[in-house]
C-alpha cells in the first residue's frame, strides 16, 4: 500500500513538472527579443525594459499548457509567479513602483491608478505590410475581482508611418479582443462578476461580455499559478514595409499592487507577412507597380509586360470597388479613391498567375 502511494505521488509530481511553465530572468533585453520573440520578415533595431528586471523573463512549457510553449513574459510582479501549479490563492510577489504611463491609464475605464508597470519597448522595421504578434494574458485577479476596480490590463501601443491613433505619438493599441475591447480583467472573463465585483463596473466597457469564449478558467491547474488566462490572441497592424516603428508592450496593476498578472509573448511570433513576387517570377517580366498617391488616386503601372493585366480592387470589407485591364507597354491604370478609407486589397492577374497587395488610404 505504501509503495502504491509513493508511486502515485511520484507520478503526480512528474506530471506537474512536465506540464509546468518555467521562467528565467532576462539579462539582455535586446538579445532576448532577437532570440525569443522576433520572427520572419521583421528587423529588430533596439529593445529595452522599464522598471525592475525581475518583471521580465523568458518562459518555457514543453506541454504548452497555456497554449504557448515558449517566449517572453512581462509580469506586474516577480516573474516566477507564472510558474505552476495553481496552489496559492491570489499570489502576489513584490511591489515595484515604476513610471506612470498615461496611455495605459486612458486605455479603458479609469477605475483607479496604474501600478507595478512592466514595459518592453521595441524598435523594428517590418519587411512586409502586416505585423502580427501572438500572446496570452493571465491573472490572479480572476475570478474574485472581476468587475471591480482592480482591472489589471495590458496594451501593445504601435506608432510609426501610416499609424494614426489617440495615444502618445499617434499610436494605436493593437492588443484587442475580437469585440474591439482592450484586454483587461474586466473585458475578458467568465461573463459573471466575482464575489468582490459589481456587474455595473464591467458594463462600463461597451460590448462586455461578448468575449467570454476567449477566457479559460485555471482553478487547480498544473501549468501556471494564475487562476485564469485567455486563449491565444493575435495582435495585428497594417504597416509600411521598410519604415521604422515603435512597439510598446506594457502591463500594470490597477487600483492596488496585489494579485499579479502577466502577458506571455510567443517565441518567433513577432513577424510580418512575406510580400508576394509570384507574378514577376512566373512571367519573367517586371511585375506591375501598385501605389496610392497623396491626391487619392490608386495607380497600377504595367511596365514591361507584353499582355494586358486584369486589376481588381476591394474595400476593407471585401466589396469590389473597381475592375479593369491595365494595358501593356507601360500604360498606367488609375482609380480615384474618393470617400474610401482604410486598407484596400488590390488583385493583379497575368498569365494565369496572381499577386495581391494591400494599400493603406488615410
Protein backbone atom coordinates (compact mmCIF):
# COMPACT_ATOMS: atom_id res chain seq x y z
CA UNK A 1 0.00 0.00 0.00
CA UNK A 2 2.81 2.39 0.96
CA UNK A 3 4.63 1.57 -2.28
CA UNK A 4 1.46 2.39 -4.26
CA UNK A 5 1.07 5.74 -2.51
CA UNK A 6 4.71 6.61 -3.11
CA UNK A 7 4.38 5.64 -6.78
CA UNK A 8 1.23 7.72 -7.15
CA UNK A 9 2.91 10.71 -5.51
CA UNK A 10 5.92 10.32 -7.79
CA UNK A 11 3.73 10.17 -10.90
CA UNK A 12 1.75 13.24 -9.80
CA UNK A 13 4.97 15.18 -9.19
CA UNK A 14 6.29 14.12 -12.60
CA UNK A 15 3.03 15.26 -14.21
CA UNK A 16 3.32 18.68 -12.58
CA UNK A 17 6.92 19.08 -13.74
CA UNK A 18 6.07 18.05 -17.30
CA UNK A 19 3.14 20.47 -17.61
CA UNK A 20 4.58 23.44 -15.73
CA UNK A 21 5.55 26.88 -17.01
CA UNK A 22 9.16 27.71 -16.09
CA UNK A 23 10.53 31.28 -16.21
CA UNK A 24 14.10 32.59 -16.35
CA UNK A 25 15.12 36.19 -15.72
CA UNK A 26 16.46 38.08 -18.75
CA UNK A 27 19.92 39.66 -18.69
CA UNK A 28 19.97 41.39 -22.10
CA UNK A 29 16.57 42.70 -23.35
CA UNK A 30 17.70 43.18 -26.96
CA UNK A 31 19.20 39.71 -27.22
CA UNK A 32 16.12 38.18 -25.60
CA UNK A 33 13.84 39.86 -28.15
CA UNK A 34 16.07 38.72 -31.02
CA UNK A 35 16.25 35.16 -29.70
CA UNK A 36 12.86 34.60 -28.08
CA UNK A 37 10.37 36.89 -29.87
CA UNK A 38 11.45 38.04 -33.35
CA UNK A 39 10.12 36.04 -36.29
CA UNK A 40 10.31 36.22 -40.09
CA UNK A 41 10.41 39.49 -42.03
CA UNK A 42 10.98 41.78 -39.01
CA UNK A 43 14.24 43.60 -38.30
CA UNK A 44 14.71 44.48 -34.60
CA UNK A 45 16.91 47.57 -34.18
CA UNK A 46 16.55 48.26 -30.43
CA UNK A 47 14.84 46.93 -27.31
CA UNK A 48 14.73 47.91 -23.66
CA UNK A 49 12.74 47.42 -20.47
CA UNK A 50 11.49 49.85 -17.85
CA UNK A 51 11.15 49.08 -14.12
CA UNK A 52 12.78 46.17 -12.25
CA UNK A 53 14.35 43.42 -14.43
CA UNK A 54 12.65 40.78 -12.25
CA UNK A 55 9.39 41.68 -14.03
CA UNK A 56 10.71 40.41 -17.39
CA UNK A 57 11.68 36.83 -18.26
CA UNK A 58 11.77 34.09 -20.82
CA UNK A 59 9.40 31.16 -20.30
CA UNK A 60 9.22 27.53 -21.40
CA UNK A 61 6.45 24.93 -21.14
CA UNK A 62 7.04 21.67 -23.00
CA UNK A 63 3.32 20.80 -22.97
CA UNK A 64 2.10 24.31 -23.95
CA UNK A 65 -0.42 24.20 -21.09
CA UNK A 66 -1.30 27.88 -21.68
CA UNK A 67 -1.35 27.45 -25.45
CA UNK A 68 2.23 28.67 -25.97
CA UNK A 69 5.36 26.60 -25.41
CA UNK A 70 7.99 29.35 -25.08
CA UNK A 71 8.74 33.04 -25.47
CA UNK A 72 8.94 36.16 -23.31
CA UNK A 73 6.72 37.14 -20.37
CA UNK A 74 6.07 40.53 -18.73
CA UNK A 75 4.66 40.46 -15.19
CA UNK A 76 3.45 43.16 -12.78
CA UNK A 77 5.17 41.18 -10.00
CA UNK A 78 8.23 38.94 -9.79
CA UNK A 79 8.35 36.72 -12.88
CA UNK A 80 8.36 33.40 -11.00
CA UNK A 81 4.67 33.91 -10.14
CA UNK A 82 3.88 32.50 -13.59
CA UNK A 83 5.14 29.04 -12.62
CA UNK A 84 2.57 26.37 -11.76
CA UNK A 85 0.81 24.62 -10.27
CA UNK A 86 -2.03 26.91 -9.16
CA UNK A 87 -1.68 26.25 -5.44
CA UNK A 88 -1.56 29.75 -3.87
CA UNK A 89 -4.78 31.80 -3.68
CA UNK A 90 -4.26 35.32 -5.05
CA UNK A 91 -0.48 35.13 -5.41
CA UNK A 92 1.47 38.38 -5.20
CA UNK A 93 5.24 38.72 -5.34
CA UNK A 94 6.55 42.17 -4.57
CA UNK A 95 5.73 45.81 -5.12
CA UNK A 96 7.56 47.59 -7.94
CA UNK A 97 6.89 51.33 -8.19
CA UNK A 98 7.54 52.38 -11.76
CA UNK A 99 6.97 55.22 -14.21
CA UNK A 100 3.38 56.35 -14.77
CA UNK A 101 2.01 55.64 -18.26
CA UNK A 102 -0.81 57.91 -19.44
CA UNK A 103 -1.63 55.73 -22.46
CA UNK A 104 -2.29 52.71 -20.26
CA UNK A 105 -4.37 54.79 -17.84
CA UNK A 106 -6.51 56.01 -20.76
CA UNK A 107 -6.81 52.58 -22.37
CA UNK A 108 -10.11 51.63 -20.75
CA UNK A 109 -12.38 52.76 -17.93
CA UNK A 110 -10.11 54.59 -15.41
CA UNK A 111 -11.16 52.70 -12.28
CA UNK A 112 -8.02 53.70 -10.39
CA UNK A 113 -4.28 54.40 -10.69
CA UNK A 114 -1.95 52.13 -12.66
CA UNK A 115 0.72 50.48 -10.50
CA UNK A 116 3.58 47.96 -10.85
CA UNK A 117 4.04 48.82 -14.52
CA UNK A 118 6.23 46.47 -16.58
CA UNK A 119 7.16 47.76 -20.03
CA UNK A 120 9.10 46.46 -23.04
CA UNK A 121 9.99 48.89 -25.85
CA UNK A 122 10.97 47.59 -29.29
CA UNK A 123 12.08 49.49 -32.39
CA UNK A 124 11.50 47.45 -35.52
CA UNK A 125 11.48 47.61 -39.31
CA UNK A 126 8.79 45.45 -40.99
CA UNK A 127 9.71 43.81 -44.29
CA UNK A 128 6.06 43.01 -45.07
CA UNK A 129 2.86 45.03 -44.85
CA UNK A 130 1.13 43.25 -41.93
CA UNK A 131 2.73 42.98 -38.48
CA UNK A 132 1.45 40.37 -36.00
CA UNK A 133 2.20 39.04 -32.50
CA UNK A 134 0.60 36.11 -30.61
CA UNK A 135 0.06 36.33 -26.85
CA UNK A 136 -1.83 35.14 -23.76
CA UNK A 137 -2.98 37.27 -20.79
CA UNK A 138 -3.27 35.64 -17.35
CA UNK A 139 -4.15 36.98 -13.91
CA UNK A 140 -4.61 36.21 -10.22
CA UNK A 141 -7.40 38.85 -10.15
CA UNK A 142 -9.66 36.20 -11.70
CA UNK A 143 -12.36 35.36 -10.67
CA UNK A 144 -12.84 37.06 -7.29
CA UNK A 145 -12.10 40.60 -8.54
CA UNK A 146 -13.82 40.51 -11.95
CA UNK A 147 -15.98 43.64 -12.39
CA UNK A 148 -14.13 45.51 -9.65
CA UNK A 149 -11.76 48.46 -9.74
CA UNK A 150 -8.80 46.03 -9.73
CA UNK A 151 -8.83 45.82 -13.52
CA UNK A 152 -5.29 44.67 -14.42
CA UNK A 153 -4.60 45.38 -18.09
CA UNK A 154 -2.18 45.05 -21.00
CA UNK A 155 -1.63 47.01 -24.19
CA UNK A 156 0.60 46.90 -27.27
CA UNK A 157 0.99 50.51 -28.44
CA UNK A 158 2.33 50.86 -32.01
CA UNK A 159 3.37 54.13 -33.65
CA UNK A 160 5.03 54.94 -36.95
CA UNK A 161 4.26 55.78 -40.60
CA UNK A 162 0.61 55.31 -41.59
CA UNK A 163 -0.49 54.92 -37.94
CA UNK A 164 -2.94 57.49 -36.57
CA UNK A 165 -4.43 56.82 -33.16
CA UNK A 166 -5.44 58.52 -29.90
CA UNK A 167 -2.35 57.66 -27.86
CA UNK A 168 1.04 59.34 -27.47
CA UNK A 169 2.80 59.74 -30.81
CA UNK A 170 -0.47 58.96 -32.63
CA UNK A 171 -0.09 55.35 -31.50
CA UNK A 172 -2.80 52.70 -31.63
CA UNK A 173 -3.34 49.74 -29.30
CA UNK A 174 -3.16 46.53 -31.32
CA UNK A 175 -3.82 44.15 -28.38
CA UNK A 176 -7.58 43.95 -28.84
CA UNK A 177 -10.25 41.34 -28.27
CA UNK A 178 -12.44 40.34 -31.24
CA UNK A 179 -15.13 42.70 -29.89
CA UNK A 180 -12.66 45.58 -30.21
CA UNK A 181 -12.22 45.99 -26.45
CA UNK A 182 -8.74 46.16 -24.91
CA UNK A 183 -7.50 43.17 -22.92
CA UNK A 184 -8.22 43.63 -19.20
CA UNK A 185 -9.65 41.57 -16.34
CA UNK A 186 -13.00 43.35 -16.74
CA UNK A 187 -13.27 42.83 -20.52
CA UNK A 188 -12.39 39.15 -20.94
CA UNK A 189 -13.67 36.81 -18.21
CA UNK A 190 -16.39 34.25 -17.49
CA UNK A 191 -19.14 36.82 -18.03
CA UNK A 192 -20.04 36.88 -14.34
CA UNK A 193 -18.88 39.35 -11.68
CA UNK A 194 -16.62 38.00 -8.94
CA UNK A 195 -17.53 37.87 -5.27
CA UNK A 196 -15.80 41.25 -4.84
CA UNK A 197 -17.16 42.73 -8.07
CA UNK A 198 -20.19 44.56 -9.40
CA UNK A 199 -21.52 43.82 -12.90
CA UNK A 200 -22.13 47.52 -13.44
CA UNK A 201 -18.38 48.16 -13.50
CA UNK A 202 -17.91 45.63 -16.31
CA UNK A 203 -20.82 47.06 -18.28
CA UNK A 204 -18.93 50.37 -18.42
CA UNK A 205 -16.96 48.57 -21.16
CA UNK A 206 -19.38 48.64 -24.10
CA UNK A 207 -19.58 45.14 -25.53
CA UNK A 208 -18.92 43.16 -22.33
CA UNK A 209 -19.39 40.16 -22.06
CA UNK A 210 -19.01 39.28 -25.77
CA UNK A 211 -15.55 37.77 -25.34
CA UNK A 212 -16.20 35.01 -22.78
CA UNK A 213 -15.16 32.33 -25.30
CA UNK A 214 -11.59 33.64 -25.07
CA UNK A 215 -11.42 33.00 -21.29
CA UNK A 216 -10.02 29.80 -19.72
CA UNK A 217 -10.54 29.01 -16.02
CA UNK A 218 -7.45 27.53 -14.37
CA UNK A 219 -8.61 26.61 -10.85
CA UNK A 220 -6.33 23.78 -9.66
CA UNK A 221 -4.45 23.87 -12.99
CA UNK A 222 -0.92 22.49 -13.18
CA UNK A 223 0.67 24.74 -15.80
CA UNK A 224 0.61 28.19 -14.21
CA UNK A 225 -0.20 29.87 -10.90
CA UNK A 226 -2.78 32.17 -12.50
CA UNK A 227 -6.45 31.49 -11.71
CA UNK A 228 -7.39 32.08 -15.35
CA UNK A 229 -5.96 33.19 -18.67
CA UNK A 230 -7.07 33.93 -22.21
CA UNK A 231 -6.89 31.73 -25.24
CA UNK A 232 -4.05 32.58 -27.62
CA UNK A 233 -4.82 36.00 -29.10
CA UNK A 234 -3.21 37.72 -32.10
CA UNK A 235 -2.38 41.42 -32.38
CA UNK A 236 -2.21 42.77 -35.96
CA UNK A 237 -1.48 46.04 -37.73
CA UNK A 238 -1.06 47.22 -41.31
CA UNK A 239 2.41 48.76 -41.72
CA UNK A 240 4.62 50.24 -44.42
CA UNK A 241 7.47 47.90 -45.43
CA UNK A 242 10.93 49.29 -44.75
CA UNK A 243 9.83 52.02 -42.33
CA UNK A 244 10.70 52.22 -38.62
CA UNK A 245 8.04 51.58 -35.96
CA UNK A 246 8.00 51.69 -32.16
CA UNK A 247 6.14 48.98 -30.24
CA UNK A 248 5.44 49.49 -26.52
CA UNK A 249 4.28 46.33 -24.73
CA UNK A 250 3.02 47.14 -21.24
CA UNK A 251 1.15 45.62 -18.28
CA UNK A 252 0.04 47.05 -14.93
CA UNK A 253 -1.95 46.51 -11.77
CA UNK A 254 -4.92 48.79 -11.31
CA UNK A 255 -6.03 50.43 -8.05
CA UNK A 256 -3.63 48.40 -5.87
CA UNK A 257 -0.46 46.32 -6.26
CA UNK A 258 -1.94 43.00 -5.11
CA UNK A 259 -2.62 39.85 -7.16
CA UNK A 260 -0.24 39.62 -10.10
CA UNK A 261 -0.93 39.36 -13.83
CA UNK A 262 1.24 38.60 -16.87
CA UNK A 263 1.31 38.70 -20.65
CA UNK A 264 3.03 35.78 -22.41
CA UNK A 265 4.51 36.57 -25.86
CA UNK A 266 5.02 33.59 -28.17
CA UNK A 267 8.53 32.89 -29.41
CA UNK A 268 9.01 33.81 -33.07
CA UNK A 269 5.54 35.34 -33.39
CA UNK A 270 6.56 38.99 -33.83
CA UNK A 271 6.57 38.73 -37.59
CA UNK A 272 5.42 40.15 -40.91
CA UNK A 273 3.92 38.50 -43.96
CA UNK A 274 6.13 37.99 -47.00
CA UNK A 275 5.33 40.36 -49.85
CA UNK A 276 4.26 38.45 -52.97
CA UNK A 277 6.52 38.18 -56.04
CA UNK A 278 4.72 35.38 -57.91
CA UNK A 279 3.81 37.45 -60.97
CA UNK A 280 7.34 38.57 -61.70
CA UNK A 281 8.73 35.08 -61.22
CA UNK A 282 6.00 33.46 -63.33
CA UNK A 283 6.16 35.84 -66.29
CA UNK A 284 9.84 36.62 -66.43
CA UNK A 285 8.87 40.29 -66.77
CA UNK A 286 8.84 43.14 -64.30
CA UNK A 287 5.83 42.91 -62.00
CA UNK A 288 3.32 45.79 -62.10
CA UNK A 289 3.91 48.65 -59.68
CA UNK A 290 0.99 49.40 -57.34
CA UNK A 291 0.80 52.60 -55.28
CA UNK A 292 -1.52 55.30 -53.93
CA UNK A 293 -0.64 58.98 -54.21
CA UNK A 294 -1.42 61.97 -52.00
CA UNK A 295 -4.27 63.12 -54.25
CA UNK A 296 -6.31 59.99 -53.53
CA UNK A 297 -5.59 58.01 -56.72
CA UNK A 298 -4.62 54.34 -56.90
CA UNK A 299 -2.22 53.54 -59.76
CA UNK A 300 -1.08 50.34 -61.46
CA UNK A 301 1.83 50.77 -63.87
CA UNK A 302 2.05 47.77 -66.22
CA UNK A 303 5.67 48.26 -67.19
CA UNK A 304 7.48 45.54 -69.13
CA UNK A 305 4.63 43.07 -69.60
CA UNK A 306 3.61 42.14 -73.14
CA UNK A 307 -0.08 41.47 -72.41
CA UNK A 308 -2.86 43.30 -70.55
CA UNK A 309 -3.16 42.71 -66.81
CA UNK A 310 -6.50 42.33 -65.04
CA UNK A 311 -6.84 44.57 -61.99
CA UNK A 312 -9.49 44.28 -59.25
CA UNK A 313 -9.77 46.48 -56.15
CA UNK A 314 -11.70 45.55 -52.97
CA UNK A 315 -12.58 47.70 -49.96
CA UNK A 316 -11.76 46.72 -46.33
CA UNK A 317 -14.90 44.54 -46.00
CA UNK A 318 -14.35 42.70 -49.29
CA UNK A 319 -16.68 44.61 -51.63
CA UNK A 320 -15.48 45.01 -55.22
CA UNK A 321 -14.79 48.69 -55.91
CA UNK A 322 -13.48 48.51 -59.47
CA UNK A 323 -12.05 46.18 -62.09
CA UNK A 324 -10.40 46.80 -65.45
CA UNK A 325 -7.48 45.83 -67.67
CA UNK A 326 -4.19 47.68 -67.37
CA UNK A 327 -2.78 47.87 -70.89
CA UNK A 328 0.69 46.59 -71.72
CA UNK A 329 3.81 48.55 -72.62
CA UNK A 330 3.95 50.90 -69.66
CA UNK A 331 0.34 52.11 -69.64
CA UNK A 332 -0.93 53.39 -66.30
CA UNK A 333 -4.31 52.36 -64.87
CA UNK A 334 -5.75 54.73 -62.25
CA UNK A 335 -8.71 54.66 -59.86
CA UNK A 336 -9.94 57.63 -57.80
CA UNK A 337 -10.32 56.71 -54.13
CA UNK A 338 -12.97 59.26 -53.22
CA UNK A 339 -14.77 58.51 -49.94
CA UNK A 340 -12.66 55.38 -49.38
CA UNK A 341 -10.52 54.94 -46.28
CA UNK A 342 -8.60 52.10 -44.72
CA UNK A 343 -6.85 49.14 -46.30
CA UNK A 344 -7.66 48.26 -49.92
CA UNK A 345 -6.86 44.87 -51.41
CA UNK A 346 -5.51 45.07 -54.96
CA UNK A 347 -5.50 41.87 -57.04
CA UNK A 348 -3.42 41.73 -60.23
CA UNK A 349 -3.61 38.74 -62.61
CA UNK A 350 -1.49 37.98 -65.69
CA UNK A 351 -0.51 34.81 -67.49
CA UNK A 352 -2.59 32.65 -65.16
CA UNK A 353 -0.69 33.92 -62.12
CA UNK A 354 -1.99 36.25 -59.42
CA UNK A 355 -0.48 38.56 -56.84
CA UNK A 356 -2.21 40.67 -54.21
CA UNK A 357 -1.11 43.75 -52.35
CA UNK A 358 -2.57 45.97 -49.66
CA UNK A 359 -2.71 49.75 -49.95
CA UNK A 360 -3.49 51.97 -46.94
CA UNK A 361 -5.63 55.04 -47.68
CA UNK A 362 -5.64 57.56 -44.76
